[in-house]
């Protein structure tokens, strides 16, 4: 196994994971709607939609990161 090539993929995956979690945590408080008075939890958090948007946002940011590193910006 080529270690520098392997580390290249580890760095790329790690960057995507960091960007995905950052996008998800930024999206979590948006659009909570009504809150249950007994538990304080949102009634419809729309978690699947937020995960999808976090994936899209992270993919776009990751592409910018990838091309910035690739072109030496």
N, C-alpha and C. Protein backbone atom coordinates (compact mmCIF):
# COMPACT_ATOMS: atom_id res chain seq x y z
N UNK A 1 0.85 -1.18 0.00
CA UNK A 1 0.00 0.00 0.00
C UNK A 1 0.89 1.23 0.00
N UNK A 2 0.54 2.18 -0.84
CA UNK A 2 1.28 3.42 -0.95
C UNK A 2 0.79 4.38 0.15
N UNK A 3 1.62 4.62 1.14
CA UNK A 3 1.22 5.43 2.29
C UNK A 3 0.87 6.87 1.90
N UNK A 4 1.68 7.59 1.12
CA UNK A 4 1.29 8.96 0.77
C UNK A 4 -0.04 9.01 0.01
N UNK A 5 -0.29 8.04 -0.88
CA UNK A 5 -1.57 8.00 -1.58
C UNK A 5 -2.72 7.72 -0.64
N UNK A 6 -2.49 6.82 0.32
CA UNK A 6 -3.52 6.49 1.31
C UNK A 6 -3.83 7.71 2.18
N UNK A 7 -2.81 8.43 2.59
CA UNK A 7 -3.02 9.61 3.42
C UNK A 7 -3.76 10.70 2.66
N UNK A 8 -3.55 10.75 1.36
CA UNK A 8 -4.27 11.70 0.53
C UNK A 8 -5.79 11.49 0.67
N UNK A 9 -6.22 10.23 0.60
CA UNK A 9 -7.64 9.93 0.73
C UNK A 9 -8.14 10.14 2.16
N UNK A 10 -7.29 9.89 3.14
CA UNK A 10 -7.68 10.13 4.53
C UNK A 10 -7.92 11.62 4.75
N UNK A 11 -7.04 12.46 4.22
CA UNK A 11 -7.20 13.91 4.37
C UNK A 11 -8.45 14.39 3.65
N UNK A 12 -8.70 13.86 2.46
CA UNK A 12 -9.89 14.27 1.72
C UNK A 12 -11.17 13.86 2.45
N UNK A 13 -11.20 12.64 2.96
CA UNK A 13 -12.37 12.18 3.71
C UNK A 13 -12.54 12.98 5.00
N UNK A 14 -11.44 13.26 5.69
CA UNK A 14 -11.51 14.01 6.93
C UNK A 14 -12.03 15.43 6.69
N UNK A 15 -11.58 16.04 5.61
CA UNK A 15 -12.05 17.39 5.28
C UNK A 15 -13.55 17.37 5.00
N UNK A 16 -14.02 16.35 4.26
CA UNK A 16 -15.46 16.26 4.00
C UNK A 16 -16.24 16.04 5.29
N UNK A 17 -15.73 15.19 6.17
CA UNK A 17 -16.43 14.92 7.43
C UNK A 17 -16.53 16.18 8.28
N UNK A 18 -15.46 16.94 8.36
CA UNK A 18 -15.47 18.18 9.15
C UNK A 18 -16.46 19.17 8.55
N UNK A 19 -16.43 19.33 7.22
CA UNK A 19 -17.36 20.26 6.57
C UNK A 19 -18.81 19.80 6.72
N UNK A 20 -19.05 18.49 6.68
CA UNK A 20 -20.41 17.97 6.81
C UNK A 20 -20.96 18.25 8.21
N UNK A 21 -20.17 17.96 9.23
CA UNK A 21 -20.64 18.20 10.59
C UNK A 21 -20.81 19.70 10.86
N UNK A 22 -19.93 20.52 10.31
CA UNK A 22 -20.07 21.96 10.47
C UNK A 22 -21.36 22.44 9.83
N UNK A 23 -21.64 21.97 8.62
CA UNK A 23 -22.88 22.37 7.95
C UNK A 23 -24.10 21.86 8.71
N UNK A 24 -24.04 20.62 9.20
CA UNK A 24 -25.18 20.08 9.93
C UNK A 24 -25.45 20.87 11.21
N UNK A 25 -24.41 21.17 11.97
CA UNK A 25 -24.61 21.89 13.22
C UNK A 25 -25.07 23.32 12.98
N UNK A 26 -24.72 23.89 11.83
CA UNK A 26 -25.23 25.23 11.50
C UNK A 26 -26.71 25.17 11.09
N UNK A 27 -27.13 24.04 10.51
CA UNK A 27 -28.51 23.91 10.04
C UNK A 27 -29.47 23.44 11.13
N UNK A 28 -28.99 22.82 12.18
CA UNK A 28 -29.87 22.24 13.19
C UNK A 28 -30.85 23.24 13.82
N UNK A 29 -30.44 24.44 14.20
CA UNK A 29 -31.42 25.33 14.84
C UNK A 29 -32.37 26.04 13.87
N UNK A 30 -32.21 25.85 12.58
CA UNK A 30 -33.03 26.55 11.59
C UNK A 30 -34.34 25.79 11.38
N UNK A 31 -35.45 26.51 11.38
CA UNK A 31 -36.75 25.94 11.06
C UNK A 31 -37.27 24.91 12.04
N UNK A 32 -37.13 25.16 13.31
CA UNK A 32 -37.60 24.20 14.29
C UNK A 32 -39.12 24.20 14.44
N UNK A 33 -39.76 25.32 14.21
CA UNK A 33 -41.22 25.36 14.28
C UNK A 33 -41.73 25.30 15.70
N UNK A 34 -42.83 24.57 15.87
CA UNK A 34 -43.47 24.48 17.18
C UNK A 34 -42.67 23.57 18.10
N UNK A 35 -42.67 23.95 19.39
CA UNK A 35 -41.93 23.18 20.39
C UNK A 35 -42.93 22.60 21.38
N UNK A 36 -42.73 21.35 21.73
CA UNK A 36 -43.58 20.67 22.70
C UNK A 36 -43.37 21.31 24.08
N UNK A 37 -44.43 21.80 24.71
CA UNK A 37 -44.25 22.48 26.00
C UNK A 37 -43.81 21.55 27.13
N UNK A 38 -44.12 20.27 27.04
CA UNK A 38 -43.74 19.36 28.12
C UNK A 38 -42.26 18.97 28.06
N UNK A 39 -41.77 18.65 26.87
CA UNK A 39 -40.38 18.17 26.76
C UNK A 39 -39.42 19.24 26.28
N UNK A 40 -39.93 20.27 25.60
CA UNK A 40 -39.06 21.30 25.05
C UNK A 40 -38.44 20.90 23.72
N UNK A 41 -38.81 19.75 23.20
CA UNK A 41 -38.27 19.27 21.93
C UNK A 41 -39.13 19.78 20.77
N UNK A 42 -38.53 20.05 19.62
CA UNK A 42 -39.32 20.48 18.47
C UNK A 42 -40.24 19.36 18.00
N UNK A 43 -41.44 19.72 17.55
CA UNK A 43 -42.39 18.72 17.09
C UNK A 43 -42.00 18.16 15.73
N UNK A 44 -41.47 18.99 14.85
CA UNK A 44 -41.03 18.55 13.53
C UNK A 44 -39.65 19.14 13.24
N UNK A 45 -38.58 18.44 13.59
CA UNK A 45 -37.24 19.00 13.38
C UNK A 45 -36.75 18.92 11.94
N UNK A 46 -37.41 18.14 11.06
CA UNK A 46 -37.01 17.99 9.66
C UNK A 46 -35.55 17.55 9.54
N UNK A 47 -35.19 16.52 10.29
CA UNK A 47 -33.79 16.09 10.35
C UNK A 47 -33.30 15.52 9.02
N UNK A 48 -34.12 14.76 8.31
CA UNK A 48 -33.70 14.19 7.03
C UNK A 48 -33.40 15.28 6.01
N UNK A 49 -34.22 16.31 5.98
CA UNK A 49 -34.00 17.43 5.06
C UNK A 49 -32.70 18.17 5.42
N UNK A 50 -32.44 18.33 6.71
CA UNK A 50 -31.22 19.01 7.13
C UNK A 50 -29.98 18.19 6.82
N UNK A 51 -30.07 16.86 6.94
CA UNK A 51 -28.94 16.00 6.58
C UNK A 51 -28.66 16.09 5.09
N UNK A 52 -29.72 16.12 4.28
CA UNK A 52 -29.54 16.25 2.83
C UNK A 52 -28.90 17.58 2.48
N UNK A 53 -29.39 18.67 3.07
CA UNK A 53 -28.80 19.98 2.81
C UNK A 53 -27.36 20.07 3.31
N UNK A 54 -27.08 19.45 4.45
CA UNK A 54 -25.71 19.44 4.97
C UNK A 54 -24.79 18.71 4.01
N UNK A 55 -25.27 17.62 3.41
CA UNK A 55 -24.47 16.88 2.45
C UNK A 55 -24.20 17.71 1.21
N UNK A 56 -25.20 18.42 0.72
CA UNK A 56 -25.03 19.26 -0.47
C UNK A 56 -24.06 20.40 -0.19
N UNK A 57 -24.25 21.08 0.93
CA UNK A 57 -23.37 22.19 1.29
C UNK A 57 -21.94 21.71 1.50
N UNK A 58 -21.76 20.57 2.19
CA UNK A 58 -20.43 20.04 2.43
C UNK A 58 -19.77 19.62 1.12
N UNK A 59 -20.54 19.07 0.18
CA UNK A 59 -19.98 18.67 -1.11
C UNK A 59 -19.48 19.87 -1.89
N UNK A 60 -20.24 20.96 -1.88
CA UNK A 60 -19.82 22.17 -2.59
C UNK A 60 -18.57 22.76 -1.94
N UNK A 61 -18.58 22.86 -0.61
CA UNK A 61 -17.41 23.39 0.08
C UNK A 61 -16.19 22.48 -0.10
N UNK A 62 -16.41 21.17 -0.12
CA UNK A 62 -15.32 20.22 -0.32
C UNK A 62 -14.72 20.37 -1.71
N UNK A 63 -15.56 20.58 -2.72
CA UNK A 63 -15.05 20.80 -4.08
C UNK A 63 -14.20 22.06 -4.15
N UNK A 64 -14.64 23.11 -3.48
CA UNK A 64 -13.83 24.34 -3.42
C UNK A 64 -12.50 24.06 -2.74
N UNK A 65 -12.53 23.33 -1.63
CA UNK A 65 -11.32 22.95 -0.91
C UNK A 65 -10.40 22.10 -1.81
N UNK A 66 -10.97 21.12 -2.50
CA UNK A 66 -10.19 20.21 -3.34
C UNK A 66 -9.50 20.96 -4.48
N UNK A 67 -10.25 21.84 -5.16
CA UNK A 67 -9.64 22.59 -6.26
C UNK A 67 -8.66 23.64 -5.76
N UNK A 68 -8.92 24.21 -4.59
CA UNK A 68 -7.97 25.19 -4.03
C UNK A 68 -6.65 24.51 -3.71
N UNK A 69 -6.70 23.32 -3.15
CA UNK A 69 -5.47 22.59 -2.84
C UNK A 69 -4.81 22.11 -4.14
N UNK A 70 -5.63 21.61 -5.07
CA UNK A 70 -5.11 21.08 -6.32
C UNK A 70 -4.42 22.12 -7.18
N UNK A 71 -4.94 23.34 -7.20
CA UNK A 71 -4.36 24.41 -8.00
C UNK A 71 -3.35 25.24 -7.23
N UNK A 72 -3.15 24.91 -5.97
CA UNK A 72 -2.15 25.60 -5.17
C UNK A 72 -2.54 27.00 -4.75
N UNK A 73 -3.81 27.27 -4.57
CA UNK A 73 -4.25 28.58 -4.14
C UNK A 73 -3.89 28.72 -2.71
